[in-house]
C-alpha atoms as a PDB file:
ATOM      1  CA  MET A   1      -5.441 220.518 106.601  1.00  0.00           C
ATOM      2  CA  LYS A   2      -1.296 220.827 107.553  1.00  0.00           C
ATOM      3  CA  VAL A   3      -1.329 218.517 108.855  1.00  0.00           C
ATOM      4  CA  ALA A   4      -2.670 216.046 106.716  1.00  0.00           C
ATOM      5  CA  LEU A   5       0.191 217.249 104.574  1.00  0.00           C
ATOM      6  CA  ALA A   6       3.230 216.849 106.537  1.00  0.00           C
ATOM      7  CA  ALA A   7       1.540 213.230 107.326  1.00  0.00           C
ATOM      8  CA  LEU A   8       1.087 212.602 103.672  1.00  0.00           C
ATOM      9  CA  ALA A   9       4.531 214.509 102.052  1.00  0.00           C
ATOM     10  CA  GLY A  10       6.089 211.751 105.536  1.00  0.00           C
ATOM     11  CA  LEU A  11       4.384 208.979 104.043  1.00  0.00           C
ATOM     12  CA  SER A  12       5.538 209.021 100.390  1.00  0.00           C
ATOM     13  CA  LEU A  13       8.529 210.296 101.189  1.00  0.00           C
ATOM     14  CA  ALA A  14       9.079 206.334 103.309  1.00  0.00           C
ATOM     15  CA  VAL A  15       7.623 204.584 100.422  1.00  0.00           C
ATOM     16  CA  GLY A  16      10.032 206.627  98.016  1.00  0.00           C
ATOM     17  CA  LEU A  17      13.311 206.039 100.134  1.00  0.00           C
ATOM     18  CA  SER A  18      11.826 201.851 100.416  1.00  0.00           C
ATOM     19  CA  ALA A  19      11.724 201.598  96.763  1.00  0.00           C
ATOM     20  CA  CYS A  20      15.271 203.431  96.647  1.00  0.00           C
ATOM     21  CA  ASP A  21      16.472 200.835  99.377  1.00  0.00           C
ATOM     22  CA  GLN A  22      14.646 197.447  97.123  1.00  0.00           C
ATOM     23  CA  GLN A  23      15.828 198.756  93.603  1.00  0.00           C
ATOM     24  CA  ARG A  24      19.452 199.090  95.493  1.00  0.00           C
ATOM     25  CA  ALA A  25      19.575 196.271  96.707  1.00  0.00           C
ATOM     26  CA  GLU A  26      18.095 194.513  93.118  1.00  0.00           C
ATOM     27  CA  ARG A  27      21.375 196.410  91.729  1.00  0.00           C
ATOM     28  CA  VAL A  28      23.926 195.088  94.932  1.00  0.00           C
ATOM     29  CA  ALA A  29      22.855 191.394  93.941  1.00  0.00           C
ATOM     30  CA  ALA A  30      22.821 192.226  90.218  1.00  0.00           C
ATOM     31  CA  SER A  31      26.548 193.355  90.798  1.00  0.00           C
ATOM     32  CA  TYR A  32      27.634 189.807  92.122  1.00  0.00           C
ATOM     33  CA  SER A  33      29.505 186.939  90.442  1.00  0.00           C
ATOM     34  CA  SER A  34      29.539 184.000  90.493  1.00  0.00           C
ATOM     35  CA  SER A  35      32.065 183.899  92.502  1.00  0.00           C
ATOM     36  CA  THR A  36      31.538 186.657  95.237  1.00  0.00           C
ATOM     37  CA  LYS A  37      27.714 186.051  95.151  1.00  0.00           C
ATOM     38  CA  PRO A  38      27.477 184.908  98.712  1.00  0.00           C
ATOM     39  CA  ALA A  39      26.429 181.152  99.079  1.00  0.00           C
ATOM     40  CA  GLU A  40      22.515 181.047  99.972  1.00  0.00           C
ATOM     41  CA  ARG A  41      22.755 178.575 101.864  1.00  0.00           C
ATOM     42  CA  PRO A  42      25.697 177.191 104.335  1.00  0.00           C
ATOM     43  CA  LEU A  43      28.020 174.794 102.449  1.00  0.00           C
ATOM     44  CA  PRO A  44      28.049 171.214 104.257  1.00  0.00           C
ATOM     45  CA  LEU A  45      31.328 170.704 105.789  1.00  0.00           C
ATOM     46  CA  PRO A  46      33.301 168.161 103.943  1.00  0.00           C
ATOM     47  CA  THR A  47      33.665 164.878 106.108  1.00  0.00           C
ATOM     48  CA  ALA A  48      36.606 162.811 107.243  1.00  0.00           C
ATOM     49  CA  VAL A  49      37.778 159.780 105.756  1.00  0.00           C
ATOM     50  CA  ALA A  50      39.594 157.204 106.670  1.00  0.00           C
ATOM     51  CA  PRO A  51      42.519 156.444 105.065  1.00  0.00           C
ATOM     52  CA  VAL A  52      41.886 152.748 103.939  1.00  0.00           C
ATOM     53  CA  VAL A  53      45.469 150.452 105.628  1.00  0.00           C
ATOM     54  CA  GLY A  54      44.816 146.795 104.740  1.00  0.00           C
ATOM     55  CA  THR A  55      47.563 144.707 107.338  1.00  0.00           C
ATOM     56  CA  ASP A  56      50.088 143.840 103.346  1.00  0.00           C
ATOM     57  CA  ALA A  57      50.945 147.302 103.596  1.00  0.00           C
ATOM     58  CA  VAL A  58      52.848 147.282 107.190  1.00  0.00           C
ATOM     59  CA  PRO A  59      55.918 145.126 106.790  1.00  0.00           C
ATOM     60  CA  VAL A  60      56.849 142.554 109.086  1.00  0.00           C
ATOM     61  CA  GLU A  61      59.755 141.384 110.881  1.00  0.00           C
ATOM     62  CA  GLU A  62      60.370 138.346 107.886  1.00  0.00           C
ATOM     63  CA  GLU A  63      60.652 140.871 105.667  1.00  0.00           C
ATOM     64  CA  TYR A  64      62.759 142.693 107.205  1.00  0.00           C
ATOM     65  CA  GLU A  65      64.890 139.760 107.019  1.00  0.00           C
ATOM     66  CA  VAL A  66      64.609 138.238 103.701  1.00  0.00           C
ATOM     67  CA  ARG A  67      65.800 142.074 102.683  1.00  0.00           C
ATOM     68  CA  ALA A  68      69.134 142.259 104.858  1.00  0.00           C
ATOM     69  CA  ALA A  69      70.018 139.077 103.499  1.00  0.00           C
ATOM     70  CA  SER A  70      70.248 139.845 100.458  1.00  0.00           C
ATOM     71  CA  SER A  71      71.609 143.436 100.814  1.00  0.00           C
ATOM     72  CA  ILE A  72      74.321 142.454 103.256  1.00  0.00           C
ATOM     73  CA  THR A  73      77.192 140.479 101.955  1.00  0.00           C
ATOM     74  CA  PRO A  74      80.595 139.295 103.638  1.00  0.00           C
ATOM     75  CA  ALA A  75      82.051 141.614 101.658  1.00  0.00           C
ATOM     76  CA  ASN A  76      79.538 145.077 102.395  1.00  0.00           C
ATOM     77  CA  LEU A  77      78.847 143.774 105.787  1.00  0.00           C
ATOM     78  CA  GLN A  78      81.180 146.530 107.365  1.00  0.00           C
ATOM     79  CA  ALA A  79      80.073 149.227 105.195  1.00  0.00           C
ATOM     80  CA  LYS A  80      76.728 148.642 105.983  1.00  0.00           C
ATOM     81  CA  LEU A  81      77.525 148.295 109.694  1.00  0.00           C
ATOM     82  CA  SER A  82      79.156 152.325 109.162  1.00  0.00           C
ATOM     83  CA  GLU A  83      75.426 153.124 107.402  1.00  0.00           C
ATOM     84  CA  LEU A  84      73.254 151.805 110.520  1.00  0.00           C
ATOM     85  CA  GLU A  85      75.615 153.459 112.948  1.00  0.00           C
ATOM     86  CA  GLN A  86      75.043 156.857 110.991  1.00  0.00           C
ATOM     87  CA  GLU A  87      71.660 156.299 110.301  1.00  0.00           C
ATOM     88  CA  LEU A  88      71.378 155.904 114.176  1.00  0.00           C
ATOM     89  CA  ARG A  89      73.289 158.928 115.265  1.00  0.00           C
ATOM     90  CA  ARG A  90      70.995 161.571 113.914  1.00  0.00           C
END
């Protein structure tokens, strides 16, 4: 009889503790806000998107020649040459 009472007391204690754990888990889950709640499943990793670069975006030698012919004149040749030399020294 004492054994049966002890078993019954142990069983009721175990059921009571599991119910407390269940209630605690529900309270903890309810306390999370939407920003701190753990995700149900992991978010997918972002995929890398290759930048779209056309051949028109790459300057060619002819464009440099046209730009130089319009910006360098005999009057400012020495000044532009000095600028280029200083840029190369950096």
